[in-house]
Amino acid sequence: MIERQGQLWDFWNNGALCCVTTNGSVRHDGKAVMGRGCAYDASQRFPKLPRQLGALLTVLGNKVYYFDDYRLFTFPTKRRWHEKADLELIARSASQLIALTRGEFREIYLPRPGCGKGGLAWTVVKPVLEVLPDKFIVITNNGRNAKRKTHTD
């Protein structure tokens, strides 16, 4: 794992693969709850994503998924949207991400999982992510001021 300054969507806009932190909650209409942080940004950029993720969560559960059309991975940090981030879930998501990306992808950018809206300190989360190889770049500033572009499907 490498740490780097930057904005998640700036890297994405430049062609990078990115992760967005998510939870396992699905609304009554079948859409994944993506109401805050980089998950919210992703839902605005990719309007079909909440329904697509909601379907996967309903059938297969709260785990890492890759959406090729969006160059985007999900990275579960919470079981339910209103809870604090779960360190055990973050560790499981890191292992799933490694398995899912073994040998196929180059650099993959992700925010500090669980450290924004999840309420955990980076000093607690960082040791759990030490298992990530250097192709994973954890960005230290996940501000939402990057220019938004909507992806039309």
Protein backbone atom coordinates (compact mmCIF):
# COMPACT_ATOMS: atom_id res chain seq x y z
CA MET A 1 0.00 0.00 0.00
CA ILE A 2 1.18 3.46 -0.89
CA GLU A 3 -0.20 6.70 0.51
CA ARG A 4 -0.63 9.72 -1.71
CA GLN A 5 -2.29 13.12 -1.53
CA GLY A 6 -5.12 13.81 -3.91
CA GLN A 7 -8.79 13.73 -4.73
CA LEU A 8 -10.38 10.39 -5.58
CA TRP A 9 -12.32 11.68 -8.58
CA ASP A 10 -9.30 13.49 -10.01
CA PHE A 11 -7.55 10.12 -10.27
CA TRP A 12 -10.69 8.56 -11.76
CA ASN A 13 -11.00 11.42 -14.28
CA ASN A 14 -7.44 10.62 -15.39
CA GLY A 15 -8.36 6.99 -16.17
CA ALA A 16 -7.54 5.29 -12.87
CA LEU A 17 -9.48 2.47 -11.24
CA CYS A 18 -10.96 3.55 -7.92
CA CYS A 19 -12.73 2.16 -4.86
CA VAL A 20 -15.65 3.75 -3.08
CA THR A 21 -16.46 2.89 0.50
CA THR A 22 -19.93 1.40 0.95
CA ASN A 23 -22.25 -0.32 3.38
CA GLY A 24 -24.64 -3.26 3.17
CA SER A 25 -27.92 -1.34 3.40
CA VAL A 26 -30.55 -1.59 0.67
CA ARG A 27 -33.59 0.72 0.55
CA HIS A 28 -37.16 -0.49 0.00
CA ASP A 29 -36.89 0.47 -3.67
CA GLY A 30 -33.95 -1.92 -4.14
CA LYS A 31 -31.23 0.75 -4.31
CA ALA A 32 -28.11 0.58 -2.16
CA VAL A 33 -27.85 3.36 0.41
CA MET A 34 -25.14 5.66 -0.92
CA GLY A 35 -25.94 8.86 0.91
CA ARG A 36 -22.60 10.27 2.05
CA GLY A 37 -18.98 10.74 1.10
CA CYS A 38 -17.46 9.13 -1.97
CA ALA A 39 -20.38 6.66 -2.22
CA TYR A 40 -22.74 9.61 -2.67
CA ASP A 41 -20.43 11.09 -5.28
CA ALA A 42 -20.40 7.76 -7.13
CA SER A 43 -24.21 7.59 -7.06
CA GLN A 44 -24.37 11.04 -8.63
CA ARG A 45 -21.81 10.22 -11.33
CA PHE A 46 -23.31 6.82 -12.11
CA PRO A 47 -27.09 7.01 -11.58
CA LYS A 48 -27.60 3.27 -12.25
CA LEU A 49 -25.01 2.21 -9.67
CA PRO A 50 -27.25 2.29 -6.55
CA ARG A 51 -29.75 -0.11 -8.15
CA GLN A 52 -27.00 -2.37 -9.54
CA LEU A 53 -25.22 -2.50 -6.19
CA GLY A 54 -28.51 -2.96 -4.34
CA ALA A 55 -29.30 -6.04 -6.44
CA LEU A 56 -25.89 -7.55 -5.69
CA LEU A 57 -26.15 -6.79 -1.98
CA THR A 58 -29.59 -8.41 -1.84
CA VAL A 59 -28.51 -11.61 -3.58
CA LEU A 60 -24.81 -12.02 -2.71
CA GLY A 61 -24.29 -9.90 0.42
CA ASN A 62 -22.04 -7.09 1.59
CA LYS A 63 -18.71 -7.65 -0.12
CA VAL A 64 -16.35 -6.13 -2.67
CA TYR A 65 -17.74 -5.79 -6.19
CA TYR A 66 -16.18 -4.51 -9.41
CA PHE A 67 -18.16 -2.45 -11.92
CA ASP A 68 -16.16 -2.54 -15.15
CA ASP A 69 -18.35 0.04 -16.91
CA TYR A 70 -17.47 2.57 -14.20
CA ARG A 71 -13.87 1.46 -13.43
CA LEU A 72 -15.03 1.20 -9.86
CA PHE A 73 -14.77 -1.22 -6.94
CA THR A 74 -16.95 -1.10 -3.87
CA PHE A 75 -15.21 -1.46 -0.51
CA PRO A 76 -17.58 -2.24 2.38
CA THR A 77 -16.71 -0.51 5.63
CA LYS A 78 -20.09 -0.68 7.40
CA ARG A 79 -22.75 -3.32 7.78
CA ARG A 80 -25.59 -0.75 7.97
CA TRP A 81 -25.44 2.84 6.72
CA HIS A 82 -26.03 4.46 10.13
CA GLU A 83 -23.40 2.48 12.02
CA LYS A 84 -19.78 3.30 12.63
CA ALA A 85 -17.25 1.63 10.34
CA ASP A 86 -16.32 -1.94 11.32
CA LEU A 87 -12.59 -2.73 11.45
CA GLU A 88 -13.23 -6.47 10.93
CA LEU A 89 -15.28 -5.71 7.81
CA ILE A 90 -12.53 -3.41 6.52
CA ALA A 91 -9.98 -6.23 6.95
CA ARG A 92 -12.30 -8.65 5.12
CA SER A 93 -12.85 -6.12 2.32
CA ALA A 94 -9.09 -5.65 1.94
CA SER A 95 -8.64 -9.43 1.57
CA GLN A 96 -11.48 -9.64 -0.95
CA LEU A 97 -10.05 -6.73 -2.93
CA ILE A 98 -6.65 -8.43 -3.11
CA ALA A 99 -8.23 -11.69 -4.30
CA LEU A 100 -10.42 -9.91 -6.85
CA THR A 101 -7.55 -7.92 -8.34
CA ARG A 102 -4.80 -10.54 -8.28
CA GLY A 103 -2.69 -10.11 -11.41
CA GLU A 104 -5.32 -8.25 -13.42
CA PHE A 105 -5.16 -4.59 -12.49
CA ARG A 106 -2.47 -2.00 -12.10
CA GLU A 107 -2.93 0.97 -9.75
CA ILE A 108 -6.14 1.15 -7.75
CA TYR A 109 -7.00 4.23 -5.70
CA LEU A 110 -9.09 4.25 -2.56
CA PRO A 111 -9.89 6.71 0.18
CA ARG A 112 -8.95 5.94 3.78
CA PRO A 113 -11.67 3.35 4.43
CA GLY A 114 -13.77 4.00 7.50
CA CYS A 115 -11.97 7.22 8.36
CA GLY A 116 -14.36 9.81 6.99
CA LYS A 117 -18.04 9.27 7.67
CA GLY A 118 -17.17 5.92 9.29
CA GLY A 119 -15.66 7.62 12.32
CA LEU A 120 -12.45 5.59 12.68
CA ALA A 121 -8.98 7.05 13.10
CA TRP A 122 -6.43 6.39 10.35
CA THR A 123 -3.96 5.18 13.00
CA VAL A 124 -6.40 2.34 13.76
CA VAL A 125 -7.26 1.47 10.14
CA LYS A 126 -3.80 1.74 8.56
CA PRO A 127 -2.33 -1.40 10.21
CA VAL A 128 -5.29 -3.45 8.88
CA LEU A 129 -4.54 -2.28 5.35
CA GLU A 130 -0.82 -3.10 5.48
CA VAL A 131 -1.74 -6.36 3.67
CA LEU A 132 -2.48 -4.38 0.49
CA PRO A 133 0.31 -4.57 -2.10
CA ASP A 134 1.81 -1.40 -3.55
CA LYS A 135 -0.60 -1.28 -6.49
CA PHE A 136 -3.15 0.06 -3.98
CA ILE A 137 -2.86 3.78 -3.39
CA VAL A 138 -4.65 5.16 -0.37
CA ILE A 139 -5.33 8.82 -0.88
CA THR A 140 -5.08 11.07 2.12
CA ASN A 141 -7.49 13.76 0.98
CA ASN A 142 -10.82 12.48 -0.25
CA GLY A 143 -12.49 15.88 -0.46
CA ARG A 144 -15.54 16.16 -2.67
CA ASN A 145 -14.54 19.33 -4.48
CA ALA A 146 -13.39 17.53 -7.63
CA LYS A 147 -15.47 18.47 -10.64
CA ARG A 148 -18.36 16.04 -11.06
CA LYS A 149 -19.08 14.39 -14.37
CA THR A 150 -22.12 12.23 -14.86
CA HIS A 151 -21.62 8.91 -16.62
CA THR A 152 -24.48 8.07 -18.92
CA ASP A 153 -25.11 4.39 -19.53
